[in-house]
N, C-alpha and C. Protein backbone atom coordinates (compact mmCIF):
# COMPACT_ATOMS: atom_id res chain seq x y z
N MET A 1 8.90 59.84 162.86
CA MET A 1 8.28 61.58 161.90
C MET A 1 7.79 62.61 162.92
N GLY A 2 7.94 63.23 163.29
CA GLY A 2 7.81 64.57 163.91
C GLY A 2 6.33 64.57 163.75
N LYS A 3 5.53 65.41 164.83
CA LYS A 3 4.26 65.75 164.21
C LYS A 3 3.62 67.62 164.10
N LEU A 4 2.81 67.87 163.76
CA LEU A 4 2.55 69.08 162.78
C LEU A 4 1.85 69.70 164.34
N ASN A 5 2.62 70.97 164.98
CA ASN A 5 1.60 71.05 166.20
C ASN A 5 0.84 72.78 165.93
N HIS A 6 0.95 73.15 164.50
CA HIS A 6 0.39 74.98 164.65
C HIS A 6 0.28 74.51 163.00
N ALA A 7 -1.07 74.96 162.62
CA ALA A 7 -0.94 75.67 161.74
C ALA A 7 -1.95 76.91 161.51
N LEU A 8 -1.78 78.23 160.48
CA LEU A 8 -2.29 79.08 160.60
C LEU A 8 -3.10 79.69 159.53
N ILE A 9 -4.07 79.58 159.36
CA ILE A 9 -5.12 80.24 158.07
C ILE A 9 -4.97 81.61 157.86
N MET A 10 -5.10 82.28 156.72
CA MET A 10 -4.32 84.15 156.08
C MET A 10 -5.94 84.50 156.00
N ALA A 11 -6.52 85.05 156.98
CA ALA A 11 -8.81 85.71 156.51
C ALA A 11 -8.27 87.31 156.54
N ALA A 12 -7.44 87.80 156.43
CA ALA A 12 -7.57 89.07 156.60
C ALA A 12 -7.99 90.03 155.57
N GLY A 13 -7.84 89.42 154.33
CA GLY A 13 -7.83 90.06 152.91
C GLY A 13 -9.53 90.63 152.79
N ARG A 14 -9.74 91.75 152.06
CA ARG A 14 -11.39 92.32 151.94
C ARG A 14 -11.89 91.53 150.80
N GLY A 15 -11.21 90.66 150.03
CA GLY A 15 -12.54 89.50 149.20
C GLY A 15 -13.05 90.91 148.35
N THR A 16 -12.66 91.21 147.39
CA THR A 16 -13.59 92.82 146.91
C THR A 16 -14.08 91.75 145.56
N ARG A 17 -13.17 90.97 144.52
CA ARG A 17 -13.72 89.87 143.44
C ARG A 17 -15.29 89.16 144.08
N MET A 18 -15.42 89.73 145.59
CA MET A 18 -16.37 88.59 146.34
C MET A 18 -17.86 90.07 146.37
N ALA A 19 -17.56 91.03 146.17
CA ALA A 19 -18.63 91.62 146.11
C ALA A 19 -19.75 91.86 145.62
N PRO A 20 -21.33 92.13 145.74
CA PRO A 20 -21.11 92.79 146.90
C PRO A 20 -21.43 92.11 147.96
N LEU A 21 -21.26 90.80 148.38
CA LEU A 21 -21.63 89.86 149.61
C LEU A 21 -20.44 90.50 150.79
N THR A 22 -19.32 91.13 150.22
CA THR A 22 -18.14 91.00 150.87
C THR A 22 -18.16 92.34 151.79
N HIS A 23 -19.16 93.31 151.14
CA HIS A 23 -19.68 94.47 151.63
C HIS A 23 -20.18 94.63 152.59
N ILE A 24 -21.22 92.87 153.35
CA ILE A 24 -21.84 92.93 154.15
C ILE A 24 -20.96 91.84 155.00
N ILE A 25 -20.52 90.46 154.66
CA ILE A 25 -19.97 89.53 156.02
C ILE A 25 -17.98 89.98 154.82
N PRO A 26 -17.34 89.31 156.12
CA PRO A 26 -15.99 88.65 155.86
C PRO A 26 -15.79 87.74 154.90
N LYS A 27 -15.22 87.74 153.72
CA LYS A 27 -15.23 86.39 152.66
C LYS A 27 -15.07 85.91 153.53
N PRO A 28 -14.43 85.64 154.84
CA PRO A 28 -14.40 83.66 155.44
C PRO A 28 -15.93 83.51 155.56
N MET A 29 -16.61 83.87 155.63
CA MET A 29 -17.63 84.07 156.42
C MET A 29 -18.69 84.01 155.19
N ALA A 30 -18.23 83.71 154.38
CA ALA A 30 -18.96 83.18 153.01
C ALA A 30 -19.89 81.69 153.16
N PRO A 31 -21.14 82.11 153.08
CA PRO A 31 -21.78 80.99 153.19
C PRO A 31 -21.41 79.27 152.16
N LEU A 32 -21.11 78.33 152.78
CA LEU A 32 -20.65 77.29 152.24
C LEU A 32 -21.03 75.75 152.97
N TRP A 33 -21.37 74.80 152.60
CA TRP A 33 -22.14 73.70 152.94
C TRP A 33 -23.42 74.02 154.40
N GLY A 34 -24.15 74.58 154.05
CA GLY A 34 -24.10 74.68 155.26
C GLY A 34 -24.00 75.74 155.96
N SER A 35 -22.17 75.65 155.99
CA SER A 35 -21.93 76.89 157.15
C SER A 35 -21.24 78.14 156.40
N THR A 36 -20.08 77.96 157.13
CA THR A 36 -19.00 79.08 156.46
C THR A 36 -17.61 78.52 155.60
N LEU A 37 -17.00 79.72 154.79
CA LEU A 37 -15.98 78.73 154.27
C LEU A 37 -14.67 78.54 155.00
N ILE A 38 -14.74 79.61 155.90
CA ILE A 38 -13.09 78.99 156.06
C ILE A 38 -13.92 78.26 157.58
N ALA A 39 -15.01 78.10 158.56
CA ALA A 39 -15.45 77.11 158.88
C ALA A 39 -15.18 75.37 158.59
N HIS A 40 -15.52 75.59 156.97
CA HIS A 40 -15.09 74.15 156.66
C HIS A 40 -13.48 74.04 156.79
N GLY A 41 -12.16 75.07 156.60
CA GLY A 41 -11.14 74.70 156.97
C GLY A 41 -10.73 74.30 158.19
N ILE A 42 -11.01 75.21 159.50
CA ILE A 42 -11.60 75.19 160.54
C ILE A 42 -11.29 73.22 161.14
N GLN A 43 -12.25 73.06 160.76
CA GLN A 43 -13.16 71.77 160.60
C GLN A 43 -12.52 70.47 160.53
N LYS A 44 -11.74 71.12 159.56
CA LYS A 44 -10.94 69.90 159.00
C LYS A 44 -9.19 69.69 159.55
N LEU A 45 -9.09 70.97 160.23
CA LEU A 45 -7.39 70.58 161.25
C LEU A 45 -7.68 70.76 162.45
N LEU A 46 -8.54 71.11 163.25
CA LEU A 46 -8.88 71.26 164.53
C LEU A 46 -8.36 69.43 165.15
N PRO A 47 -8.69 68.15 164.81
CA PRO A 47 -8.56 67.04 165.37
C PRO A 47 -7.28 67.20 164.71
N HIS A 48 -6.28 67.23 163.77
CA HIS A 48 -5.38 66.90 163.42
C HIS A 48 -4.53 67.79 164.16
N ILE A 49 -4.13 69.16 164.56
CA ILE A 49 -2.80 70.34 164.85
C ILE A 49 -3.68 71.00 165.90
N PRO A 50 -3.17 70.78 167.15
CA PRO A 50 -3.14 71.41 168.54
C PRO A 50 -3.62 72.52 168.31
N HIS A 51 -2.52 73.34 167.99
CA HIS A 51 -2.96 74.76 167.83
C HIS A 51 -3.00 75.32 166.20
N LEU A 52 -4.10 76.25 166.35
CA LEU A 52 -4.30 77.05 165.21
C LEU A 52 -4.92 78.15 165.31
N HIS A 53 -3.97 78.93 164.85
CA HIS A 53 -4.27 80.25 164.62
C HIS A 53 -4.87 81.12 163.26
N ILE A 54 -5.31 82.29 163.42
CA ILE A 54 -5.79 82.59 162.33
C ILE A 54 -5.92 84.58 162.25
N THR A 55 -5.20 84.84 161.39
CA THR A 55 -5.03 86.42 161.01
C THR A 55 -6.47 86.80 160.14
N VAL A 56 -6.80 87.64 160.69
CA VAL A 56 -8.48 89.19 160.70
C VAL A 56 -7.15 90.32 160.24
N GLY A 57 -8.71 90.62 159.64
CA GLY A 57 -7.96 92.66 159.33
C GLY A 57 -9.67 93.04 158.69
N TYR A 58 -9.69 92.40 157.83
CA TYR A 58 -11.34 93.08 156.92
C TYR A 58 -12.46 93.10 157.52
N LYS A 59 -12.89 93.64 158.29
CA LYS A 59 -14.29 93.69 159.55
C LYS A 59 -14.11 92.48 160.44
N GLY A 60 -12.24 92.61 160.71
CA GLY A 60 -11.42 91.56 161.86
C GLY A 60 -11.94 91.15 163.26
N ALA A 61 -13.41 92.20 164.17
CA ALA A 61 -13.74 91.83 164.71
C ALA A 61 -15.45 90.67 164.97
N GLU A 62 -15.81 90.73 163.87
CA GLU A 62 -17.29 90.11 163.45
C GLU A 62 -15.97 88.58 163.06
N LEU A 63 -15.04 88.52 162.57
CA LEU A 63 -14.67 87.34 161.86
C LEU A 63 -14.01 86.82 163.04
N ALA A 64 -13.20 87.13 163.95
CA ALA A 64 -12.53 87.08 165.02
C ALA A 64 -13.45 86.32 166.00
N LYS A 65 -14.57 86.61 166.14
CA LYS A 65 -15.68 86.04 166.66
C LYS A 65 -16.23 84.99 166.74
N HIS A 66 -16.26 84.60 165.02
CA HIS A 66 -16.92 83.58 164.88
C HIS A 66 -15.74 82.41 164.64
N VAL A 67 -14.72 82.47 164.55
CA VAL A 67 -13.57 81.33 164.81
C VAL A 67 -13.00 81.44 166.06
N ILE A 68 -13.15 82.17 166.75
CA ILE A 68 -13.16 81.99 168.48
C ILE A 68 -14.14 80.63 168.84
N GLU A 69 -15.47 80.95 168.09
CA GLU A 69 -16.76 79.80 168.79
C GLU A 69 -16.25 78.97 168.46
N LEU A 70 -15.37 78.38 166.79
CA LEU A 70 -15.24 77.71 166.40
C LEU A 70 -14.37 76.77 167.18
N GLY A 71 -13.44 77.58 168.11
CA GLY A 71 -12.17 77.02 168.20
C GLY A 71 -10.83 77.12 168.39
N VAL A 72 -10.63 77.86 167.42
CA VAL A 72 -8.90 78.04 167.10
C VAL A 72 -8.60 78.80 168.39
N HIS A 73 -6.99 78.59 168.61
CA HIS A 73 -6.18 79.35 169.68
C HIS A 73 -5.90 80.28 169.90
N SER A 74 -5.92 81.12 168.84
CA SER A 74 -5.46 82.32 168.31
C SER A 74 -5.98 83.58 167.09
N VAL A 75 -5.79 84.33 167.78
CA VAL A 75 -6.28 85.44 166.61
C VAL A 75 -5.36 86.31 166.72
N PHE A 76 -4.78 87.12 165.11
CA PHE A 76 -3.77 87.52 164.93
C PHE A 76 -4.64 89.04 164.31
N ASN A 77 -4.59 90.31 164.70
CA ASN A 77 -5.13 91.49 163.77
C ASN A 77 -3.96 92.09 162.90
N THR A 78 -4.11 92.07 161.68
CA THR A 78 -3.02 91.84 160.51
C THR A 78 -3.70 93.07 159.71
N GLU A 79 -4.58 93.92 160.37
CA GLU A 79 -5.30 94.88 159.53
C GLU A 79 -4.41 95.91 158.97
N GLY A 80 -4.59 96.29 157.07
CA GLY A 80 -3.55 97.32 156.77
C GLY A 80 -2.26 96.21 156.91
N LYS A 81 -2.25 95.52 157.52
CA LYS A 81 -0.67 95.31 157.07
C LYS A 81 -0.49 93.99 155.90
N GLY A 82 0.66 93.12 155.27
CA GLY A 82 0.74 92.74 154.09
C GLY A 82 0.26 91.39 154.40
N ASN A 83 0.44 90.24 153.58
CA ASN A 83 0.22 88.71 153.93
C ASN A 83 0.80 88.18 154.66
N SER A 84 2.48 88.64 154.86
CA SER A 84 3.46 87.59 155.48
C SER A 84 3.87 88.66 156.73
N TRP A 85 3.67 89.83 157.00
CA TRP A 85 3.63 90.93 158.07
C TRP A 85 3.90 89.62 159.57
N TRP A 86 2.67 88.57 159.15
CA TRP A 86 2.53 88.15 160.34
C TRP A 86 3.57 87.30 161.41
N ILE A 87 4.69 87.23 160.12
CA ILE A 87 5.66 86.25 160.11
C ILE A 87 6.59 86.79 161.35
N PHE A 88 6.40 87.72 161.04
CA PHE A 88 7.89 88.59 161.34
C PHE A 88 7.40 89.79 162.95
N ASN A 89 6.01 89.68 163.43
CA ASN A 89 5.55 91.13 163.93
C ASN A 89 4.23 90.42 164.93
N THR A 90 4.37 89.06 164.83
CA THR A 90 3.56 88.89 166.27
C THR A 90 4.22 87.35 167.33
N LEU A 91 4.06 86.54 168.36
CA LEU A 91 4.16 85.90 168.70
C LEU A 91 4.91 84.34 168.11
N MET A 92 4.00 84.13 166.61
CA MET A 92 4.66 83.05 165.49
C MET A 92 6.12 83.33 165.30
N LYS A 93 6.61 84.24 165.32
CA LYS A 93 7.92 84.71 164.95
C LYS A 93 8.96 83.27 165.75
N LYS A 94 8.85 83.49 166.57
CA LYS A 94 9.19 82.64 168.00
C LYS A 94 9.01 81.51 167.82
N VAL A 95 8.36 80.75 166.96
CA VAL A 95 8.16 79.34 166.71
C VAL A 95 9.51 78.72 165.81
N ASP A 96 9.66 77.58 166.13
CA ASP A 96 11.34 77.33 165.61
C ASP A 96 10.57 75.97 165.07
N GLU A 97 9.59 75.39 164.86
CA GLU A 97 9.43 74.22 163.92
C GLU A 97 7.83 74.73 163.20
N PRO A 98 7.83 73.46 162.26
CA PRO A 98 6.96 73.76 161.12
C PRO A 98 5.99 74.15 161.54
N VAL A 99 4.98 75.17 160.70
CA VAL A 99 3.69 75.71 160.50
C VAL A 99 2.91 75.09 159.14
N LEU A 100 2.17 74.85 159.19
CA LEU A 100 1.09 74.32 158.14
C LEU A 100 0.38 75.75 157.73
N VAL A 101 0.71 76.54 156.50
CA VAL A 101 -0.08 77.83 155.94
C VAL A 101 -1.29 77.28 155.24
N LEU A 102 -2.17 77.88 155.44
CA LEU A 102 -3.61 77.91 154.63
C LEU A 102 -4.14 79.34 154.31
N THR A 103 -4.50 79.31 153.30
CA THR A 103 -5.68 80.77 153.13
C THR A 103 -6.94 80.19 153.30
N SER A 104 -7.58 80.96 153.38
CA SER A 104 -9.26 81.24 154.09
C SER A 104 -10.11 80.75 152.55
N ASP A 105 -9.35 81.39 151.49
CA ASP A 105 -10.28 80.83 150.67
C ASP A 105 -10.72 79.02 150.15
N ASN A 106 -9.29 78.88 150.66
CA ASN A 106 -9.04 77.30 149.92
C ASN A 106 -9.75 76.45 150.15
N VAL A 107 -10.60 75.37 149.37
CA VAL A 107 -11.73 74.73 149.84
C VAL A 107 -10.57 73.03 149.29
N THR A 108 -9.93 72.13 150.23
CA THR A 108 -8.79 71.59 150.19
C THR A 108 -9.27 70.23 151.02
N ASP A 109 -8.03 68.83 150.87
CA ASP A 109 -8.29 67.60 151.42
C ASP A 109 -6.85 67.81 151.48
N LEU A 110 -6.10 67.54 152.86
CA LEU A 110 -4.78 67.04 152.65
C LEU A 110 -4.21 66.36 153.19
N ASN A 111 -3.56 65.32 153.18
CA ASN A 111 -2.74 64.03 153.90
C ASN A 111 -1.87 65.20 154.95
N ILE A 112 -1.91 65.51 156.04
CA ILE A 112 -0.69 66.29 156.88
C ILE A 112 0.30 65.66 157.25
N GLU A 113 -0.16 64.37 157.35
CA GLU A 113 0.65 63.43 157.55
C GLU A 113 2.09 63.18 156.30
N LEU A 114 1.14 62.95 155.17
CA LEU A 114 2.14 62.66 153.85
C LEU A 114 3.22 63.93 153.73
N ILE A 115 2.22 65.45 154.09
CA ILE A 115 3.25 66.51 153.37
C ILE A 115 4.09 66.80 154.82
N LEU A 116 4.13 66.50 156.23
CA LEU A 116 4.70 66.53 157.16
C LEU A 116 6.00 65.79 156.58
N GLY A 117 5.74 64.10 156.32
CA GLY A 117 6.87 63.47 155.99
C GLY A 117 7.91 64.04 154.51
N GLU A 118 7.00 64.84 153.75
CA GLU A 118 7.95 65.26 152.32
C GLU A 118 8.55 66.64 153.16
N TYR A 119 8.21 67.10 153.87
CA TYR A 119 8.88 68.52 154.98
C TYR A 119 9.79 67.98 155.55
N GLU A 120 9.58 67.25 155.80
CA GLU A 120 11.20 66.67 156.67
C GLU A 120 12.50 65.58 155.87
N ARG A 121 11.92 64.90 154.65
CA ARG A 121 12.46 64.76 153.20
C ARG A 121 12.84 65.87 153.10
N LEU A 122 12.90 66.99 152.68
CA LEU A 122 13.50 67.46 152.18
C LEU A 122 14.72 68.71 153.03
N GLY A 123 15.03 68.06 154.19
CA GLY A 123 15.57 69.51 155.02
C GLY A 123 15.29 69.85 155.67
N GLN A 124 14.10 69.87 155.98
CA GLN A 124 13.13 70.89 156.78
C GLN A 124 13.55 72.55 156.69
N PRO A 125 13.35 72.73 154.97
CA PRO A 125 13.64 74.15 155.32
C PRO A 125 12.48 75.08 155.55
N ALA A 126 13.61 76.64 154.88
CA ALA A 126 13.17 77.91 156.13
C ALA A 126 11.01 77.55 155.49
N CYS A 127 11.07 76.84 153.94
CA CYS A 127 9.62 77.21 153.29
C CYS A 127 9.64 76.05 152.38
N MET A 128 8.37 76.06 152.67
CA MET A 128 8.04 74.28 151.54
C MET A 128 6.90 74.48 151.18
N VAL A 129 6.39 75.23 149.57
CA VAL A 129 5.17 75.70 149.00
C VAL A 129 4.52 74.27 148.53
N VAL A 130 3.09 74.07 148.76
CA VAL A 130 2.46 72.70 148.44
C VAL A 130 1.59 73.03 146.88
N PRO A 131 2.42 72.64 145.89
CA PRO A 131 1.86 72.95 144.84
C PRO A 131 0.51 72.54 144.06
N VAL A 132 -0.25 73.00 142.66
CA VAL A 132 -1.51 71.86 142.40
C VAL A 132 -1.20 72.20 141.01
N ILE A 133 -2.12 71.07 140.15
CA ILE A 133 -1.80 71.06 139.27
C ILE A 133 -3.09 72.30 138.34
N PRO A 134 -2.62 73.53 137.56
CA PRO A 134 -3.50 73.98 137.04
C PRO A 134 -4.31 73.89 136.72
N LEU A 135 -6.07 74.57 137.18
CA LEU A 135 -7.35 74.70 137.62
C LEU A 135 -7.48 76.23 136.61
N GLU A 136 -7.97 75.49 135.41
CA GLU A 136 -8.54 76.46 134.27
C GLU A 136 -9.88 77.30 135.05
N GLY A 137 -9.70 79.01 135.00
CA GLY A 137 -10.36 79.91 135.54
C GLY A 137 -9.32 80.36 137.49
N LEU A 138 -8.85 79.46 137.27
CA LEU A 138 -7.35 80.32 138.93
C LEU A 138 -6.32 80.07 138.57
N VAL A 139 -5.69 81.69 139.04
CA VAL A 139 -4.48 81.91 138.80
C VAL A 139 -3.61 82.38 139.98
N GLY A 140 -2.55 81.10 139.28
CA GLY A 140 -1.60 81.31 140.39
C GLY A 140 0.05 81.62 139.93
N ASP A 141 1.16 81.22 140.73
CA ASP A 141 2.46 81.45 140.53
C ASP A 141 2.90 80.21 139.96
N PHE A 142 3.38 79.62 138.81
CA PHE A 142 3.70 78.95 138.04
C PHE A 142 4.93 78.65 139.07
N ILE A 143 5.50 77.40 139.64
CA ILE A 143 6.28 76.71 140.01
C ILE A 143 7.56 76.57 138.94
N HIS A 144 8.46 76.99 139.34
CA HIS A 144 10.14 76.19 138.57
C HIS A 144 11.20 75.79 139.34
N HIS A 145 11.73 74.60 139.42
CA HIS A 145 12.19 73.98 140.20
C HIS A 145 13.44 72.81 139.59
N ILE A 146 14.23 72.14 140.59
CA ILE A 146 15.04 71.08 139.87
C ILE A 146 15.38 70.61 141.31
N ASP A 147 14.65 69.02 140.90
CA ASP A 147 14.54 68.33 142.30
C ASP A 147 14.16 69.16 143.66
N ASN A 148 12.91 69.81 143.52
CA ASN A 148 12.52 70.24 144.49
C ASN A 148 12.95 71.86 144.60
N LEU A 149 14.35 71.97 144.40
CA LEU A 149 14.75 73.66 144.72
C LEU A 149 13.58 73.92 143.94
N VAL A 150 13.74 75.02 144.60
CA VAL A 150 12.42 76.22 143.66
C VAL A 150 13.45 77.24 143.21
N SER A 151 12.89 77.23 141.67
CA SER A 151 14.42 78.80 141.71
C SER A 151 13.98 79.70 140.37
N LYS A 152 12.68 79.72 140.61
CA LYS A 152 11.29 81.01 140.22
C LYS A 152 10.07 80.59 140.36
N LEU A 153 9.47 81.66 141.01
CA LEU A 153 8.09 81.54 141.03
C LEU A 153 7.36 83.01 139.81
N ASP A 154 6.73 82.17 138.63
CA ASP A 154 6.44 83.43 137.77
C ASP A 154 4.81 83.18 137.69
N ARG A 155 4.02 83.98 137.19
CA ARG A 155 2.71 84.12 137.15
C ARG A 155 2.32 83.90 135.56
N ASN A 156 3.62 84.19 135.28
CA ASN A 156 3.32 84.29 132.85
C ASN A 156 4.35 83.34 132.47
N ASP A 157 5.36 82.58 133.18
CA ASP A 157 5.91 81.53 132.70
C ASP A 157 5.60 79.87 133.14
N PRO A 158 4.27 79.66 131.74
CA PRO A 158 3.76 78.67 132.30
C PRO A 158 4.55 77.60 133.11
N ALA A 159 4.32 76.40 133.61
CA ALA A 159 5.05 75.17 134.46
C ALA A 159 4.21 73.78 134.33
N PRO A 160 3.97 72.91 135.08
CA PRO A 160 3.62 72.15 135.20
C PRO A 160 2.41 72.00 136.55
N THR A 161 3.27 73.00 137.54
CA THR A 161 2.19 73.08 138.56
C THR A 161 2.74 74.44 139.48
N TYR A 162 1.61 74.59 140.21
CA TYR A 162 1.65 76.16 140.65
C TYR A 162 1.10 75.98 142.31
N CYS A 163 1.58 77.29 142.59
CA CYS A 163 1.18 77.47 143.94
C CYS A 163 -0.01 77.77 144.49
N SER A 164 -0.50 76.78 145.50
CA SER A 164 -2.37 76.58 145.94
C SER A 164 -2.73 77.97 147.23
N GLY A 165 -1.65 78.33 147.38
CA GLY A 165 -1.38 79.14 149.12
C GLY A 165 -1.58 78.43 150.31
N ILE A 166 -1.08 76.51 150.15
CA ILE A 166 -0.54 76.07 151.56
C ILE A 166 1.17 76.02 150.71
N GLN A 167 1.29 76.19 151.80
CA GLN A 167 2.68 76.11 152.32
C GLN A 167 3.05 75.73 154.35
N VAL A 168 4.35 75.07 153.85
CA VAL A 168 4.91 74.52 155.59
C VAL A 168 6.10 75.63 155.34
N LEU A 169 5.79 76.26 156.64
CA LEU A 169 7.57 77.02 156.62
C LEU A 169 7.92 76.62 158.45
N ASN A 170 9.00 77.63 158.49
CA ASN A 170 9.35 77.59 160.08
C ASN A 170 9.64 79.54 160.10
N PRO A 171 9.15 79.71 160.98
CA PRO A 171 8.97 81.23 160.90
C PRO A 171 10.40 81.32 161.85
N ALA A 172 11.09 81.14 162.54
CA ALA A 172 11.62 81.45 163.37
C ALA A 172 13.07 81.40 162.31
N LYS A 173 13.32 80.29 161.47
CA LYS A 173 13.81 80.12 160.32
C LYS A 173 13.80 81.01 159.15
N VAL A 174 12.99 81.40 158.86
CA VAL A 174 12.91 82.59 158.31
C VAL A 174 13.12 83.72 158.51
N ASN A 175 12.46 84.14 160.05
CA ASN A 175 13.22 85.44 160.80
C ASN A 175 14.95 85.38 160.92
N GLN A 176 15.86 83.81 161.13
CA GLN A 176 16.69 84.31 161.04
C GLN A 176 17.55 84.63 159.51
N LEU A 177 17.12 84.06 158.68
CA LEU A 177 17.67 83.95 157.44
C LEU A 177 17.40 85.10 156.72
N ILE A 178 16.40 86.15 156.57
CA ILE A 178 15.82 86.99 155.60
C ILE A 178 14.98 88.24 156.29
N GLU A 179 15.36 89.32 155.98
CA GLU A 179 14.91 90.79 156.32
C GLU A 179 13.29 90.35 156.32
N PRO A 180 12.98 91.54 157.39
CA PRO A 180 11.11 91.46 157.28
C PRO A 180 10.56 91.58 156.07
N VAL A 181 9.58 91.35 155.50
CA VAL A 181 8.98 91.58 154.59
C VAL A 181 7.45 91.54 154.42
N GLU A 182 6.64 91.83 154.15
CA GLU A 182 4.93 91.89 154.16
C GLU A 182 4.74 91.10 153.00
N ASP A 183 4.67 90.96 152.01
CA ASP A 183 4.49 90.35 150.88
C ASP A 183 4.77 88.48 150.57
N PHE A 184 4.74 87.55 150.83
CA PHE A 184 4.73 86.72 150.05
C PHE A 184 5.84 86.48 149.41
N GLY A 185 5.43 87.15 147.66
CA GLY A 185 6.37 87.53 146.93
C GLY A 185 7.59 87.98 147.84
N ASP A 186 7.46 88.83 147.82
CA ASP A 186 8.92 89.24 148.61
C ASP A 186 9.71 88.26 149.22
N LEU A 187 9.10 87.55 150.48
CA LEU A 187 10.31 86.49 151.24
C LEU A 187 10.54 85.25 150.44
N TRP A 188 9.32 84.63 149.59
CA TRP A 188 9.88 83.87 148.75
C TRP A 188 10.70 84.16 147.29
N SER A 189 11.19 85.88 147.25
CA SER A 189 11.90 86.01 146.75
C SER A 189 13.84 85.58 147.38
N GLN A 190 13.35 86.05 148.57
CA GLN A 190 14.47 85.84 148.98
C GLN A 190 15.08 84.63 149.39
N LEU A 191 13.93 84.07 149.47
CA LEU A 191 14.49 82.45 150.78
C LEU A 191 15.03 81.31 148.70
N ILE A 192 14.34 82.17 148.16
CA ILE A 192 14.83 81.44 146.60
C ILE A 192 16.58 81.60 146.28
N GLN A 193 16.91 82.77 146.79
CA GLN A 193 18.72 83.29 146.66
C GLN A 193 19.34 83.01 147.40
N LYS A 194 17.80 82.29 148.80
CA LYS A 194 19.17 81.60 149.96
C LYS A 194 19.19 80.04 149.71
N ARG A 195 18.45 79.67 148.94
CA ARG A 195 18.30 78.02 148.33
C ARG A 195 17.68 77.50 149.48
N GLN A 196 16.43 78.19 150.35
CA GLN A 196 15.80 77.71 151.19
C GLN A 196 13.93 77.34 151.12
N LEU A 197 13.65 77.57 149.29
CA LEU A 197 12.53 77.60 149.51
C LEU A 197 12.39 76.14 148.30
N PHE A 198 11.63 75.63 148.62
CA PHE A 198 11.31 73.54 147.72
C PHE A 198 10.09 73.95 147.93
N SER A 199 9.68 72.75 146.70
CA SER A 199 8.08 72.83 146.77
C SER A 199 8.60 71.23 146.31
N SER A 200 6.83 70.98 147.41
CA SER A 200 6.81 69.70 147.46
C SER A 200 6.43 68.49 146.34
N SER A 201 6.67 67.30 146.47
CA SER A 201 6.36 66.43 145.74
C SER A 201 4.98 65.48 146.04
N VAL A 202 4.74 65.69 147.14
CA VAL A 202 2.98 65.78 147.61
C VAL A 202 1.66 66.48 147.45
N LEU A 203 1.23 66.74 146.37
CA LEU A 203 -0.07 67.04 146.49
C LEU A 203 -0.94 67.06 147.63
N PRO A 204 -2.24 68.41 147.53
CA PRO A 204 -3.55 68.25 148.15
C PRO A 204 -4.25 66.85 147.56
N ASP A 205 -4.93 66.34 148.25
CA ASP A 205 -6.19 65.33 147.45
C ASP A 205 -7.40 66.03 146.74
N LYS A 206 -7.42 67.19 147.58
CA LYS A 206 -8.69 67.70 146.58
C LYS A 206 -8.38 69.34 146.54
N TRP A 207 -8.36 70.43 145.83
CA TRP A 207 -7.81 71.68 145.87
C TRP A 207 -8.24 72.34 144.86
N PHE A 208 -9.49 73.19 145.65
CA PHE A 208 -10.31 74.01 145.17
C PHE A 208 -10.03 75.84 145.56
N THR A 209 -10.15 76.69 145.23
CA THR A 209 -10.19 77.88 145.33
C THR A 209 -11.16 78.69 145.63
N VAL A 210 -11.75 79.81 146.56
CA VAL A 210 -13.15 81.08 146.40
C VAL A 210 -12.69 82.19 145.94
N ASP A 211 -12.93 82.52 144.50
CA ASP A 211 -12.19 84.09 144.49
C ASP A 211 -13.19 84.64 144.54
N THR A 212 -14.60 84.31 143.68
CA THR A 212 -15.89 85.28 142.69
C THR A 212 -16.92 84.41 143.06
N LEU A 213 -18.35 85.13 143.15
CA LEU A 213 -19.15 84.53 144.08
C LEU A 213 -19.86 83.40 142.92
N GLU A 214 -19.21 83.41 141.69
CA GLU A 214 -19.11 82.47 140.79
C GLU A 214 -18.82 80.83 141.42
N GLN A 215 -17.44 81.23 141.96
CA GLN A 215 -16.90 79.80 142.25
C GLN A 215 -17.63 79.26 143.84
N LEU A 216 -17.87 80.38 144.31
CA LEU A 216 -19.12 80.38 145.19
C LEU A 216 -20.11 79.81 145.10
N THR A 217 -21.46 80.13 143.87
CA THR A 217 -22.05 79.42 143.88
C THR A 217 -21.61 77.76 143.19
N GLN A 218 -20.95 78.05 142.97
CA GLN A 218 -20.49 76.11 142.16
C GLN A 218 -19.99 75.25 142.83
N MET A 219 -19.27 75.74 143.97
CA MET A 219 -19.11 74.97 145.34
C MET A 219 -20.13 74.44 145.72
N ASN A 220 -21.29 75.66 146.73
CA ASN A 220 -22.30 74.78 147.11
C ASN A 220 -23.02 74.57 146.65
N ASN A 221 -23.11 73.77 145.33
CA ASN A 221 -23.46 73.48 144.12
C ASN A 221 -23.08 71.48 144.05
N GLN A 222 -21.72 71.48 144.52
CA GLN A 222 -21.56 70.23 144.92
C GLN A 222 -21.19 69.98 145.99
N LYS A 223 -21.25 68.46 146.42
CA LYS A 223 -21.90 68.00 148.18
C LYS A 223 -20.04 68.44 148.52
N ALA A 224 -20.14 68.32 150.03
CA ALA A 224 -18.84 68.55 150.77
C ALA A 224 -18.14 67.53 150.20
């Protein structure tokens, strides 16, 4: 089995649902377990991934300084751009191998080896979303698939799993297959048409997403 050499954490959003905290600091720097939300994710990935990248936008200079001090390898400024813009407009577009993609508000435990093995089992598609079991209070796009091949993503049509914000994709392959888009919804729609969007049968060992101050408080009241 191969090795995952790249991971990217998307951390460019404004985090409006976590105001007024995010009027002062970017959402990824929200305090979590004596550190920050994004530091928790970075520290879990760094021992396993040789090249760790971050996208920044809102309060980007402050966030870039924070993540560089934590040891990430590159920072892409995507301010004012959509969440998939980096795939088509940064040096990442040249990467012709799997990249593990997460969002900065994910609090998760991943078996990276198992997820990479699943990606290879599915034929190394352009993109493989890593699903989770729906949790009360958290919204997501429900995944409809047959034998892991995704036929539809729909927020309003329930299915046993939905998108977690975690995926494995090959940027060079995506660039070869579809037209550049700025939104992952549009990217996934094009890949569904090309039969190149798959859903993993391997789920995270633990997963939660922090989207509100109440959820942040809930996580801080639990043990890391």
